[in-house]
C-alpha cells in the first residue's frame, strides 16, 4: 500500500511540476519542445513502478533469451494443455451422462495427446463397467453422443 501512495504522490508532484514549467515557458518554438519534454516526464512518472523492479514483476516483458520470460511456444503449449484437459473433462462428462441414462456406473479412462500441429488426439476412450451389466445399446448410445468408438470393458 505504501508503494501505491508513493507512486500517486510522484505522479501528482510530476503533474504539478509540469504545469508550473508550462506556465513559465515563453510562447513560440520553445513551447512545443518543452511540451514534449513535460509529456515524456509525466509519462515516465506514471510508468515508473513498471520499470523500477521494485514490487512489480516484469518477467513477462523481458526477452526470452535472458532466461526470465516464457517463450511464445511455452504459452502455446500451456494453452494446448488447458484445451486438452477441457476436452478430457467434456468427454468424460458426456460418457457419464450416457452411462447414467443406461442405468450403469463404471470407470472412465480418457487419454489424449497434443500433436505437433497443436491439435488434440483422443488416444483412448474406454469405459470399464461391472461384469454382468447389460450393455445392450450402450455402444450405440456412446457413439451417437460422443461420435467416438468408445471401448467397453467388463471388469
Protein backbone atom coordinates (compact mmCIF):
# COMPACT_ATOMS: atom_id res chain seq x y z
CA UNK A 1 0.00 0.00 0.00
CA UNK A 2 2.91 2.29 0.75
CA UNK A 3 4.25 1.77 -2.77
CA UNK A 4 0.91 2.87 -4.22
CA UNK A 5 0.90 6.03 -2.10
CA UNK A 6 4.45 6.83 -3.14
CA UNK A 7 3.59 6.31 -6.80
CA UNK A 8 0.47 8.52 -6.54
CA UNK A 9 2.48 11.27 -4.83
CA UNK A 10 5.18 11.02 -7.52
CA UNK A 11 2.61 11.36 -10.31
CA UNK A 12 0.90 14.28 -8.57
CA UNK A 13 4.18 16.11 -7.99
CA UNK A 14 5.28 15.46 -11.57
CA UNK A 15 1.99 16.86 -12.86
CA UNK A 16 2.36 19.92 -10.63
CA UNK A 17 5.96 20.48 -11.75
CA UNK A 18 4.98 20.01 -15.39
CA UNK A 19 2.16 22.53 -15.01
CA UNK A 20 4.45 25.12 -13.43
CA UNK A 21 7.05 24.66 -16.17
CA UNK A 22 4.39 25.10 -18.86
CA UNK A 23 3.12 28.29 -17.20
CA UNK A 24 6.63 29.74 -17.10
CA UNK A 25 7.50 28.76 -20.67
CA UNK A 26 7.52 31.56 -23.24
CA UNK A 27 5.30 31.19 -26.30
CA UNK A 28 6.89 30.18 -29.58
CA UNK A 29 9.07 27.39 -30.86
CA UNK A 30 10.44 26.55 -27.40
CA UNK A 31 6.91 25.87 -26.18
CA UNK A 32 6.42 22.85 -28.46
CA UNK A 33 9.73 21.29 -27.46
CA UNK A 34 9.07 21.88 -23.78
CA UNK A 35 5.55 20.42 -24.06
CA UNK A 36 7.09 17.23 -25.44
CA UNK A 37 9.65 17.12 -22.62
CA UNK A 38 6.93 17.65 -19.99
CA UNK A 39 4.77 14.93 -21.60
CA UNK A 40 7.66 12.46 -21.53
CA UNK A 41 8.41 13.44 -17.94
CA UNK A 42 4.80 12.84 -16.89
CA UNK A 43 4.69 9.55 -18.77
CA UNK A 44 7.87 8.35 -17.10
CA UNK A 45 6.48 9.31 -13.68
CA UNK A 46 3.28 7.45 -14.45
CA UNK A 47 5.07 4.31 -15.66
CA UNK A 48 7.92 4.38 -13.13
CA UNK A 49 6.63 1.44 -11.00
CA UNK A 50 6.73 -0.84 -14.03
CA UNK A 51 10.39 -0.13 -14.63
CA UNK A 52 11.60 0.16 -11.05
CA UNK A 53 11.82 -3.63 -10.49
CA UNK A 54 10.54 -2.97 -7.00
CA UNK A 55 7.26 -4.67 -6.30
CA UNK A 56 6.14 -5.37 -9.85
CA UNK A 57 7.25 -8.50 -11.68
CA UNK A 58 8.39 -7.73 -15.22
CA UNK A 59 9.42 -11.25 -16.19
CA UNK A 60 6.64 -11.47 -18.78
CA UNK A 61 8.02 -8.41 -20.60
CA UNK A 62 11.69 -9.35 -20.72
CA UNK A 63 13.12 -11.07 -23.79
CA UNK A 64 13.20 -14.85 -23.61
CA UNK A 65 16.95 -15.02 -24.28
CA UNK A 66 17.51 -13.55 -20.81
CA UNK A 67 16.02 -16.74 -19.47
CA UNK A 68 13.39 -14.92 -17.44
CA UNK A 69 10.38 -14.83 -19.72
CA UNK A 70 8.45 -17.76 -21.10
CA UNK A 71 8.61 -18.14 -24.85
CA UNK A 72 5.64 -17.95 -27.15
CA UNK A 73 5.96 -21.72 -27.58
CA UNK A 74 5.57 -22.16 -23.82
CA UNK A 75 2.38 -20.09 -23.85
CA UNK A 76 1.02 -22.06 -26.81
CA UNK A 77 1.86 -25.34 -25.10
CA UNK A 78 0.15 -24.25 -21.88
CA UNK A 79 -2.97 -23.23 -23.81
CA UNK A 80 -2.93 -26.59 -25.63
CA UNK A 81 -2.66 -28.40 -22.27
CA UNK A 82 -5.62 -26.47 -20.91
CA UNK A 83 -7.65 -27.28 -24.00
CA UNK A 84 -6.57 -30.91 -23.70
CA UNK A 85 -7.83 -31.02 -20.11
CA UNK A 86 -11.10 -29.37 -21.13
CA UNK A 87 -11.58 -31.95 -23.90
CA UNK A 88 -11.00 -34.79 -21.44
CA UNK A 89 -13.42 -33.31 -18.90
CA UNK A 90 -16.10 -32.72 -21.55
CA UNK A 91 -15.74 -36.22 -22.98
CA UNK A 92 -15.79 -37.80 -19.53
CA UNK A 93 -18.95 -35.84 -18.70
CA UNK A 94 -20.69 -36.96 -21.90
CA UNK A 95 -19.83 -40.60 -21.23
CA UNK A 96 -21.07 -40.32 -17.62
CA UNK A 97 -24.38 -38.91 -18.85
CA UNK A 98 -24.79 -41.79 -21.32
CA UNK A 99 -23.94 -44.34 -18.61
CA UNK A 100 -26.41 -42.73 -16.21
CA UNK A 101 -29.14 -42.79 -18.87
CA UNK A 102 -28.45 -46.52 -19.33
CA UNK A 103 -28.55 -47.07 -15.55
CA UNK A 104 -24.88 -48.04 -15.45
CA UNK A 105 -21.92 -46.93 -13.41
CA UNK A 106 -18.31 -47.51 -14.29
CA UNK A 107 -14.83 -46.16 -14.56
CA UNK A 108 -13.94 -43.95 -17.50
CA UNK A 109 -10.46 -43.80 -18.96
CA UNK A 110 -9.72 -40.97 -21.36
CA UNK A 111 -6.22 -40.42 -22.74
CA UNK A 112 -5.42 -37.62 -25.14
CA UNK A 113 -2.28 -36.32 -26.75
CA UNK A 114 -1.20 -32.96 -28.18
CA UNK A 115 0.09 -33.36 -31.72
CA UNK A 116 2.91 -31.28 -33.20
CA UNK A 117 0.42 -29.07 -35.07
CA UNK A 118 -1.34 -28.25 -31.77
CA UNK A 119 -4.39 -30.41 -32.38
CA UNK A 120 -5.70 -32.79 -29.72
CA UNK A 121 -5.84 -36.51 -30.49
CA UNK A 122 -8.07 -38.79 -28.44
CA UNK A 123 -5.85 -41.83 -27.95
CA UNK A 124 -8.06 -43.89 -25.64
CA UNK A 125 -11.72 -43.70 -24.69
CA UNK A 126 -12.56 -46.68 -22.51
CA UNK A 127 -15.45 -47.48 -20.17
CA UNK A 128 -14.99 -50.20 -17.57
CA UNK A 129 -18.29 -51.49 -16.20
CA UNK A 130 -19.02 -54.29 -13.71
CA UNK A 131 -19.38 -57.82 -15.12
CA UNK A 132 -22.95 -58.86 -15.75
CA UNK A 133 -24.03 -55.33 -16.66
CA UNK A 134 -26.49 -55.05 -19.50
CA UNK A 135 -24.64 -53.26 -22.29
CA UNK A 136 -27.35 -53.55 -24.92
CA UNK A 137 -27.35 -50.33 -26.85
CA UNK A 138 -24.55 -48.78 -24.77
CA UNK A 139 -22.00 -48.76 -27.60
CA UNK A 140 -24.53 -47.20 -29.99
CA UNK A 141 -25.56 -44.57 -27.41
CA UNK A 142 -21.92 -43.67 -26.74
CA UNK A 143 -21.21 -43.45 -30.48
CA UNK A 144 -24.26 -41.23 -31.00
CA UNK A 145 -23.35 -38.85 -28.15
CA UNK A 146 -19.56 -38.69 -28.40
CA UNK A 147 -19.08 -39.56 -32.09
CA UNK A 148 -16.31 -41.93 -30.97
CA UNK A 149 -15.94 -45.66 -30.81
CA UNK A 150 -15.66 -46.00 -27.04
CA UNK A 151 -14.22 -49.30 -25.89
CA UNK A 152 -16.44 -51.04 -23.37
CA UNK A 153 -14.73 -53.44 -20.98
CA UNK A 154 -16.50 -55.56 -18.35
CA UNK A 155 -14.40 -55.83 -15.20
